[in-house]
Amino acid sequence: MRIIETQVLSLKQKDSLMQLWNNEYPAKLNLKTIKDFELYLNGLSETKHYLLLDDSDEIQGWTFTFLREDENWFA
């Protein structure tokens, strides 16, 4: 396992992360499409993504930081 940091996500990464998001959050926070996911992410400032990758480079976990009201937040 390893962790990588990135500010830009590929389409494949976005698809994997949207699935992780939808598995973790209740139905009212689920995102239906990649476009919905991108709209959510694009609404955040100074986003940094931390991806937990297995030996096959498949995403097993994810967290991200962003700026909100001049404070650092994470999800």
PDB file of N, CA and C in Angstrom:
ATOM      1  N   MET A   1       0.846  -1.172   0.000  1.00  0.00           N
ATOM      2  CA  MET A   1       0.000   0.000   0.000  1.00  0.00           C
ATOM      3  C   MET A   1       0.894   1.240   0.000  1.00  0.00           C
ATOM      4  N   ARG A   2       0.391   2.254  -0.700  1.00  0.00           N
ATOM      5  CA  ARG A   2       1.095   3.533  -0.702  1.00  0.00           C
ATOM      6  C   ARG A   2       0.081   4.648  -0.849  1.00  0.00           C
ATOM      7  N   ILE A   3       0.491   5.838  -0.462  1.00  0.00           N
ATOM      8  CA  ILE A   3      -0.367   7.009  -0.552  1.00  0.00           C
ATOM      9  C   ILE A   3       0.262   7.990  -1.532  1.00  0.00           C
ATOM     10  N   ILE A   4      -0.563   8.493  -2.447  1.00  0.00           N
ATOM     11  CA  ILE A   4      -0.089   9.532  -3.345  1.00  0.00           C
ATOM     12  C   ILE A   4      -0.947  10.784  -3.128  1.00  0.00           C
ATOM     13  N   GLU A   5      -0.339  11.942  -3.368  1.00  0.00           N
ATOM     14  CA  GLU A   5      -1.048  13.218  -3.286  1.00  0.00           C
ATOM     15  C   GLU A   5      -1.189  13.775  -4.695  1.00  0.00           C
ATOM     16  N   THR A   6      -2.365  14.297  -5.009  1.00  0.00           N
ATOM     17  CA  THR A   6      -2.588  14.891  -6.318  1.00  0.00           C
ATOM     18  C   THR A   6      -3.632  15.985  -6.213  1.00  0.00           C
ATOM     19  N   GLN A   7      -3.555  16.945  -7.108  1.00  0.00           N
ATOM     20  CA  GLN A   7      -4.575  17.983  -7.188  1.00  0.00           C
ATOM     21  C   GLN A   7      -5.486  17.760  -8.391  1.00  0.00           C
ATOM     22  N   VAL A   8      -5.021  16.938  -9.337  1.00  0.00           N
ATOM     23  CA  VAL A   8      -5.777  16.661 -10.556  1.00  0.00           C
ATOM     24  C   VAL A   8      -6.086  15.169 -10.611  1.00  0.00           C
ATOM     25  N   LEU A   9      -7.339  14.841 -10.841  1.00  0.00           N
ATOM     26  CA  LEU A   9      -7.773  13.440 -10.898  1.00  0.00           C
ATOM     27  C   LEU A   9      -8.084  13.044 -12.338  1.00  0.00           C
ATOM     28  N   SER A  10      -7.723  11.825 -12.684  1.00  0.00           N
ATOM     29  CA  SER A  10      -8.087  11.282 -13.990  1.00  0.00           C
ATOM     30  C   SER A  10      -9.557  10.863 -13.956  1.00  0.00           C
ATOM     31  N   LEU A  11     -10.126  10.621 -15.120  1.00  0.00           N
ATOM     32  CA  LEU A  11     -11.513  10.152 -15.197  1.00  0.00           C
ATOM     33  C   LEU A  11     -11.660   8.809 -14.487  1.00  0.00           C
ATOM     34  N   LYS A  12     -10.693   7.924 -14.651  1.00  0.00           N
ATOM     35  CA  LYS A  12     -10.734   6.618 -13.987  1.00  0.00           C
ATOM     36  C   LYS A  12     -10.706   6.795 -12.467  1.00  0.00           C
ATOM     37  N   GLN A  13      -9.860   7.699 -11.978  1.00  0.00           N
ATOM     38  CA  GLN A  13      -9.799   7.954 -10.541  1.00  0.00           C
ATOM     39  C   GLN A  13     -11.121   8.527 -10.045  1.00  0.00           C
ATOM     40  N   LYS A  14     -11.690   9.474 -10.792  1.00  0.00           N
ATOM     41  CA  LYS A  14     -12.974  10.062 -10.398  1.00  0.00           C
ATOM     42  C   LYS A  14     -14.059   8.998 -10.295  1.00  0.00           C
ATOM     43  N   ASP A  15     -14.081   8.070 -11.232  1.00  0.00           N
ATOM     44  CA  ASP A  15     -15.073   6.996 -11.200  1.00  0.00           C
ATOM     45  C   ASP A  15     -14.907   6.147  -9.938  1.00  0.00           C
ATOM     46  N   SER A  16     -13.678   5.774  -9.619  1.00  0.00           N
ATOM     47  CA  SER A  16     -13.413   4.976  -8.410  1.00  0.00           C
ATOM     48  C   SER A  16     -13.786   5.753  -7.151  1.00  0.00           C
ATOM     49  N   LEU A  17     -13.444   7.039  -7.124  1.00  0.00           N
ATOM     50  CA  LEU A  17     -13.717   7.850  -5.939  1.00  0.00           C
ATOM     51  C   LEU A  17     -15.204   8.105  -5.752  1.00  0.00           C
ATOM     52  N   MET A  18     -15.925   8.282  -6.843  1.00  0.00           N
ATOM     53  CA  MET A  18     -17.370   8.464  -6.744  1.00  0.00           C
ATOM     54  C   MET A  18     -18.021   7.208  -6.150  1.00  0.00           C
ATOM     55  N   GLN A  19     -17.522   6.033  -6.542  1.00  0.00           N
ATOM     56  CA  GLN A  19     -18.039   4.789  -5.971  1.00  0.00           C
ATOM     57  C   GLN A  19     -17.746   4.714  -4.473  1.00  0.00           C
ATOM     58  N   LEU A  20     -16.522   5.088  -4.073  1.00  0.00           N
ATOM     59  CA  LEU A  20     -16.186   5.118  -2.645  1.00  0.00           C
ATOM     60  C   LEU A  20     -17.102   6.087  -1.906  1.00  0.00           C
ATOM     61  N   TRP A  21     -17.287   7.273  -2.475  1.00  0.00           N
ATOM     62  CA  TRP A  21     -18.159   8.300  -1.880  1.00  0.00           C
ATOM     63  C   TRP A  21     -19.565   7.746  -1.663  1.00  0.00           C
ATOM     64  N   ASN A  22     -20.134   7.162  -2.704  1.00  0.00           N
ATOM     65  CA  ASN A  22     -21.506   6.668  -2.627  1.00  0.00           C
ATOM     66  C   ASN A  22     -21.648   5.489  -1.670  1.00  0.00           C
ATOM     67  N   ASN A  23     -20.584   4.720  -1.478  1.00  0.00           N
ATOM     68  CA  ASN A  23     -20.630   3.615  -0.515  1.00  0.00           C
ATOM     69  C   ASN A  23     -20.595   4.115   0.923  1.00  0.00           C
ATOM     70  N   GLU A  24     -20.021   5.280   1.155  1.00  0.00           N
ATOM     71  CA  GLU A  24     -19.836   5.796   2.511  1.00  0.00           C
ATOM     72  C   GLU A  24     -20.933   6.733   2.976  1.00  0.00           C
ATOM     73  N   TYR A  25     -21.496   7.496   2.053  1.00  0.00           N
ATOM     74  CA  TYR A  25     -22.439   8.530   2.450  1.00  0.00           C
ATOM     75  C   TYR A  25     -23.887   8.096   2.228  1.00  0.00           C
ATOM     76  N   PRO A  26     -24.790   8.633   3.047  1.00  0.00           N
ATOM     77  CA  PRO A  26     -26.206   8.266   2.919  1.00  0.00           C
ATOM     78  C   PRO A  26     -26.783   8.687   1.572  1.00  0.00           C
ATOM     79  N   ALA A  27     -27.916   8.129   1.262  1.00  0.00           N
ATOM     80  CA  ALA A  27     -28.550   8.326  -0.045  1.00  0.00           C
ATOM     81  C   ALA A  27     -28.712   9.796  -0.412  1.00  0.00           C
ATOM     82  N   LYS A  28     -28.996  10.651   0.543  1.00  0.00           N
ATOM     83  CA  LYS A  28     -29.215  12.062   0.195  1.00  0.00           C
ATOM     84  C   LYS A  28     -27.932  12.775  -0.221  1.00  0.00           C
ATOM     85  N   LEU A  29     -26.774  12.199   0.049  1.00  0.00           N
ATOM     86  CA  LEU A  29     -25.495  12.786  -0.374  1.00  0.00           C
ATOM     87  C   LEU A  29     -24.871  12.041  -1.554  1.00  0.00           C
ATOM     88  N   ASN A  30     -25.545  11.000  -2.026  1.00  0.00           N
ATOM     89  CA  ASN A  30     -25.014  10.244  -3.158  1.00  0.00           C
ATOM     90  C   ASN A  30     -24.963  11.100  -4.410  1.00  0.00           C
ATOM     91  N   LEU A  31     -23.946  10.854  -5.209  1.00  0.00           N
ATOM     92  CA  LEU A  31     -23.774  11.554  -6.478  1.00  0.00           C
ATOM     93  C   LEU A  31     -24.089  10.584  -7.599  1.00  0.00           C
ATOM     94  N   LYS A  32     -24.965  10.982  -8.499  1.00  0.00           N
ATOM     95  CA  LYS A  32     -25.471  10.068  -9.523  1.00  0.00           C
ATOM     96  C   LYS A  32     -24.547   9.906 -10.723  1.00  0.00           C
ATOM     97  N   THR A  33     -23.831  10.971 -11.094  1.00  0.00           N
ATOM     98  CA  THR A  33     -23.011  10.922 -12.300  1.00  0.00           C
ATOM     99  C   THR A  33     -21.628  11.517 -12.029  1.00  0.00           C
ATOM    100  N   ILE A  34     -20.697  11.240 -12.927  1.00  0.00           N
ATOM    101  CA  ILE A  34     -19.366  11.844 -12.837  1.00  0.00           C
ATOM    102  C   ILE A  34     -19.494  13.364 -12.901  1.00  0.00           C
ATOM    103  N   LYS A  35     -20.413  13.857 -13.715  1.00  0.00           N
ATOM    104  CA  LYS A  35     -20.624  15.317 -13.807  1.00  0.00           C
ATOM    105  C   LYS A  35     -21.025  15.887 -12.446  1.00  0.00           C
ATOM    106  N   ASP A  36     -21.910  15.207 -11.722  1.00  0.00           N
ATOM    107  CA  ASP A  36     -22.289  15.641 -10.368  1.00  0.00           C
ATOM    108  C   ASP A  36     -21.074  15.654  -9.448  1.00  0.00           C
ATOM    109  N   PHE A  37     -20.259  14.619  -9.549  1.00  0.00           N
ATOM    110  CA  PHE A  37     -19.051  14.517  -8.737  1.00  0.00           C
ATOM    111  C   PHE A  37     -18.093  15.660  -9.065  1.00  0.00           C
ATOM    112  N   GLU A  38     -17.899  15.927 -10.348  1.00  0.00           N
ATOM    113  CA  GLU A  38     -17.016  17.015 -10.770  1.00  0.00           C
ATOM    114  C   GLU A  38     -17.551  18.375 -10.303  1.00  0.00           C
ATOM    115  N   LEU A  39     -18.856  18.591 -10.384  1.00  0.00           N
ATOM    116  CA  LEU A  39     -19.445  19.842  -9.907  1.00  0.00           C
ATOM    117  C   LEU A  39     -19.179  20.040  -8.421  1.00  0.00           C
ATOM    118  N   TYR A  40     -19.314  18.968  -7.649  1.00  0.00           N
ATOM    119  CA  TYR A  40     -19.022  19.047  -6.222  1.00  0.00           C
ATOM    120  C   TYR A  40     -17.555  19.419  -6.000  1.00  0.00           C
ATOM    121  N   LEU A  41     -16.646  18.693  -6.636  1.00  0.00           N
ATOM    122  CA  LEU A  41     -15.222  18.951  -6.435  1.00  0.00           C
ATOM    123  C   LEU A  41     -14.811  20.332  -6.935  1.00  0.00           C
ATOM    124  N   ASN A  42     -15.376  20.763  -8.053  1.00  0.00           N
ATOM    125  CA  ASN A  42     -15.028  22.070  -8.608  1.00  0.00           C
ATOM    126  C   ASN A  42     -15.527  23.218  -7.734  1.00  0.00           C
ATOM    127  N   GLY A  43     -16.463  22.956  -6.857  1.00  0.00           N
ATOM    128  CA  GLY A  43     -16.958  23.966  -5.934  1.00  0.00           C
ATOM    129  C   GLY A  43     -16.075  24.170  -4.721  1.00  0.00           C
ATOM    130  N   LEU A  44     -15.020  23.364  -4.599  1.00  0.00           N
ATOM    131  CA  LEU A  44     -14.100  23.459  -3.472  1.00  0.00           C
ATOM    132  C   LEU A  44     -12.853  24.238  -3.876  1.00  0.00           C
ATOM    133  N   SER A  45     -12.211  24.852  -2.905  1.00  0.00           N
ATOM    134  CA  SER A  45     -10.998  25.632  -3.171  1.00  0.00           C
ATOM    135  C   SER A  45      -9.765  24.905  -2.647  1.00  0.00           C
ATOM    136  N   GLU A  46      -8.689  25.024  -3.406  1.00  0.00           N
ATOM    137  CA  GLU A  46      -7.367  24.506  -3.003  1.00  0.00           C
ATOM    138  C   GLU A  46      -7.429  23.041  -2.562  1.00  0.00           C
ATOM    139  N   THR A  47      -8.032  22.231  -3.389  1.00  0.00           N
ATOM    140  CA  THR A  47      -8.229  20.818  -3.075  1.00  0.00           C
ATOM    141  C   THR A  47      -6.954  20.011  -3.302  1.00  0.00           C
ATOM    142  N   LYS A  48      -6.646  19.149  -2.337  1.00  0.00           N
ATOM    143  CA  LYS A  48      -5.564  18.170  -2.472  1.00  0.00           C
ATOM    144  C   LYS A  48      -6.147  16.809  -2.124  1.00  0.00           C
ATOM    145  N   HIS A  49      -5.926  15.844  -3.006  1.00  0.00           N
ATOM    146  CA  HIS A  49      -6.446  14.493  -2.823  1.00  0.00           C
ATOM    147  C   HIS A  49      -5.314  13.567  -2.380  1.00  0.00           C
ATOM    148  N   TYR A  50      -5.620  12.685  -1.460  1.00  0.00           N
ATOM    149  CA  TYR A  50      -4.684  11.677  -0.982  1.00  0.00           C
ATOM    150  C   TYR A  50      -5.314  10.319  -1.254  1.00  0.00           C
ATOM    151  N   LEU A  51      -4.692   9.571  -2.147  1.00  0.00           N
ATOM    152  CA  LEU A  51      -5.234   8.286  -2.583  1.00  0.00           C
ATOM    153  C   LEU A  51      -4.421   7.148  -1.992  1.00  0.00           C
ATOM    154  N   LEU A  52      -5.092   6.185  -1.384  1.00  0.00           N
ATOM    155  CA  LEU A  52      -4.459   4.979  -0.876  1.00  0.00           C
ATOM    156  C   LEU A  52      -4.549   3.921  -1.959  1.00  0.00           C
ATOM    157  N   LEU A  53      -3.404   3.524  -2.486  1.00  0.00           N
ATOM    158  CA  LEU A  53      -3.349   2.557  -3.589  1.00  0.00           C
ATOM    159  C   LEU A  53      -2.795   1.228  -3.108  1.00  0.00           C
ATOM    160  N   ASP A  54      -3.357   0.135  -3.619  1.00  0.00           N
ATOM    161  CA  ASP A  54      -2.819  -1.189  -3.313  1.00  0.00           C
ATOM    162  C   ASP A  54      -1.676  -1.508  -4.284  1.00  0.00           C
ATOM    163  N   ASP A  55      -1.142  -2.714  -4.207  1.00  0.00           N
ATOM    164  CA  ASP A  55      -0.007  -3.107  -5.049  1.00  0.00           C
ATOM    165  C   ASP A  55      -0.348  -3.138  -6.534  1.00  0.00           C
ATOM    166  N   SER A  56      -1.647  -3.174  -6.860  1.00  0.00           N
ATOM    167  CA  SER A  56      -2.088  -3.158  -8.263  1.00  0.00           C
ATOM    168  C   SER A  56      -2.490  -1.757  -8.711  1.00  0.00           C
ATOM    169  N   ASP A  57      -2.183  -0.753  -7.893  1.00  0.00           N
ATOM    170  CA  ASP A  57      -2.525   0.646  -8.149  1.00  0.00           C
ATOM    171  C   ASP A  57      -4.030   0.904  -8.191  1.00  0.00           C
ATOM    172  N   GLU A  58      -4.811   0.049  -7.528  1.00  0.00           N
ATOM    173  CA  GLU A  58      -6.247   0.260  -7.395  1.00  0.00           C
ATOM    174  C   GLU A  58      -6.491   1.093  -6.128  1.00  0.00           C
ATOM    175  N   ILE A  59      -7.403   2.045  -6.214  1.00  0.00           N
ATOM    176  CA  ILE A  59      -7.704   2.916  -5.082  1.00  0.00           C
ATOM    177  C   ILE A  59      -8.486   2.137  -4.028  1.00  0.00           C
ATOM    178  N   GLN A  60      -7.959   2.127  -2.809  1.00  0.00           N
ATOM    179  CA  GLN A  60      -8.608   1.457  -1.688  1.00  0.00           C
ATOM    180  C   GLN A  60      -9.143   2.444  -0.658  1.00  0.00           C
ATOM    181  N   GLY A  61      -8.664   3.679  -0.721  1.00  0.00           N
ATOM    182  CA  GLY A  61      -9.107   4.703   0.222  1.00  0.00           C
ATOM    183  C   GLY A  61      -8.787   6.083  -0.314  1.00  0.00           C
ATOM    184  N   TRP A  62      -9.444   7.083   0.250  1.00  0.00           N
ATOM    185  CA  TRP A  62      -9.296   8.447  -0.257  1.00  0.00           C
ATOM    186  C   TRP A  62      -9.684   9.438   0.827  1.00  0.00           C
ATOM    187  N   THR A  63      -8.926  10.488   0.908  1.00  0.00           N
ATOM    188  CA  THR A  63      -9.292  11.654   1.707  1.00  0.00           C
ATOM    189  C   THR A  63      -8.863  12.875   0.921  1.00  0.00           C
ATOM    190  N   PHE A  64      -9.439  14.003   1.253  1.00  0.00           N
ATOM    191  CA  PHE A  64      -9.017  15.228   0.585  1.00  0.00           C
ATOM    192  C   PHE A  64      -9.139  16.401   1.539  1.00  0.00           C
ATOM    193  N   THR A  65      -8.310  17.410   1.279  1.00  0.00           N
ATOM    194  CA  THR A  65      -8.347  18.643   2.044  1.00  0.00           C
ATOM    195  C   THR A  65      -8.793  19.761   1.113  1.00  0.00           C
ATOM    196  N   PHE A  66      -9.379  20.790   1.703  1.00  0.00           N
ATOM    197  CA  PHE A  66      -9.814  21.944   0.913  1.00  0.00           C
ATOM    198  C   PHE A  66      -9.939  23.144   1.837  1.00  0.00           C
ATOM    199  N   LEU A  67     -10.002  24.314   1.237  1.00  0.00           N
ATOM    200  CA  LEU A  67     -10.111  25.553   1.981  1.00  0.00           C
ATOM    201  C   LEU A  67     -11.570  26.011   1.986  1.00  0.00           C
ATOM    202  N   ARG A  68     -12.090  26.312   3.180  1.00  0.00           N
ATOM    203  CA  ARG A  68     -13.459  26.821   3.325  1.00  0.00           C
ATOM    204  C   ARG A  68     -13.420  27.919   4.381  1.00  0.00           C
ATOM    205  N   GLU A  69     -13.873  29.100   4.004  1.00  0.00           N
ATOM    206  CA  GLU A  69     -13.920  30.238   4.930  1.00  0.00           C
ATOM    207  C   GLU A  69     -12.557  30.464   5.603  1.00  0.00           C
ATOM    208  N   ASP A  70     -11.499  30.423   4.796  1.00  0.00           N
ATOM    209  CA  ASP A  70     -10.120  30.647   5.260  1.00  0.00           C
ATOM    210  C   ASP A  70      -9.629  29.626   6.278  1.00  0.00           C
ATOM    211  N   GLU A  71     -10.248  28.453   6.300  1.00  0.00           N
ATOM    212  CA  GLU A  71      -9.813  27.377   7.185  1.00  0.00           C
ATOM    213  C   GLU A  71      -9.629  26.093   6.369  1.00  0.00           C
ATOM    214  N   ASN A  72      -8.692  25.261   6.820  1.00  0.00           N
ATOM    215  CA  ASN A  72      -8.489  23.956   6.173  1.00  0.00           C
ATOM    216  C   ASN A  72      -9.525  22.974   6.684  1.00  0.00           C
ATOM    217  N   TRP A  73     -10.157  22.281   5.747  1.00  0.00           N
ATOM    218  CA  TRP A  73     -11.153  21.254   6.051  1.00  0.00           C
ATOM    219  C   TRP A  73     -10.704  19.951   5.392  1.00  0.00           C
ATOM    220  N   PHE A  74     -11.317  18.846   5.795  1.00  0.00           N
ATOM    221  CA  PHE A  74     -11.035  17.567   5.127  1.00  0.00           C
ATOM    222  C   PHE A  74     -12.301  16.735   5.086  1.00  0.00           C
ATOM    223  N   ALA A  75     -12.290  15.806   4.171  1.00  0.00           N
ATOM    224  CA  ALA A  75     -13.397  14.839   4.064  1.00  0.00           C
ATOM    225  C   ALA A  75     -12.801  13.503   3.669  1.00  0.00           C
TER     226      ALA A  75
END
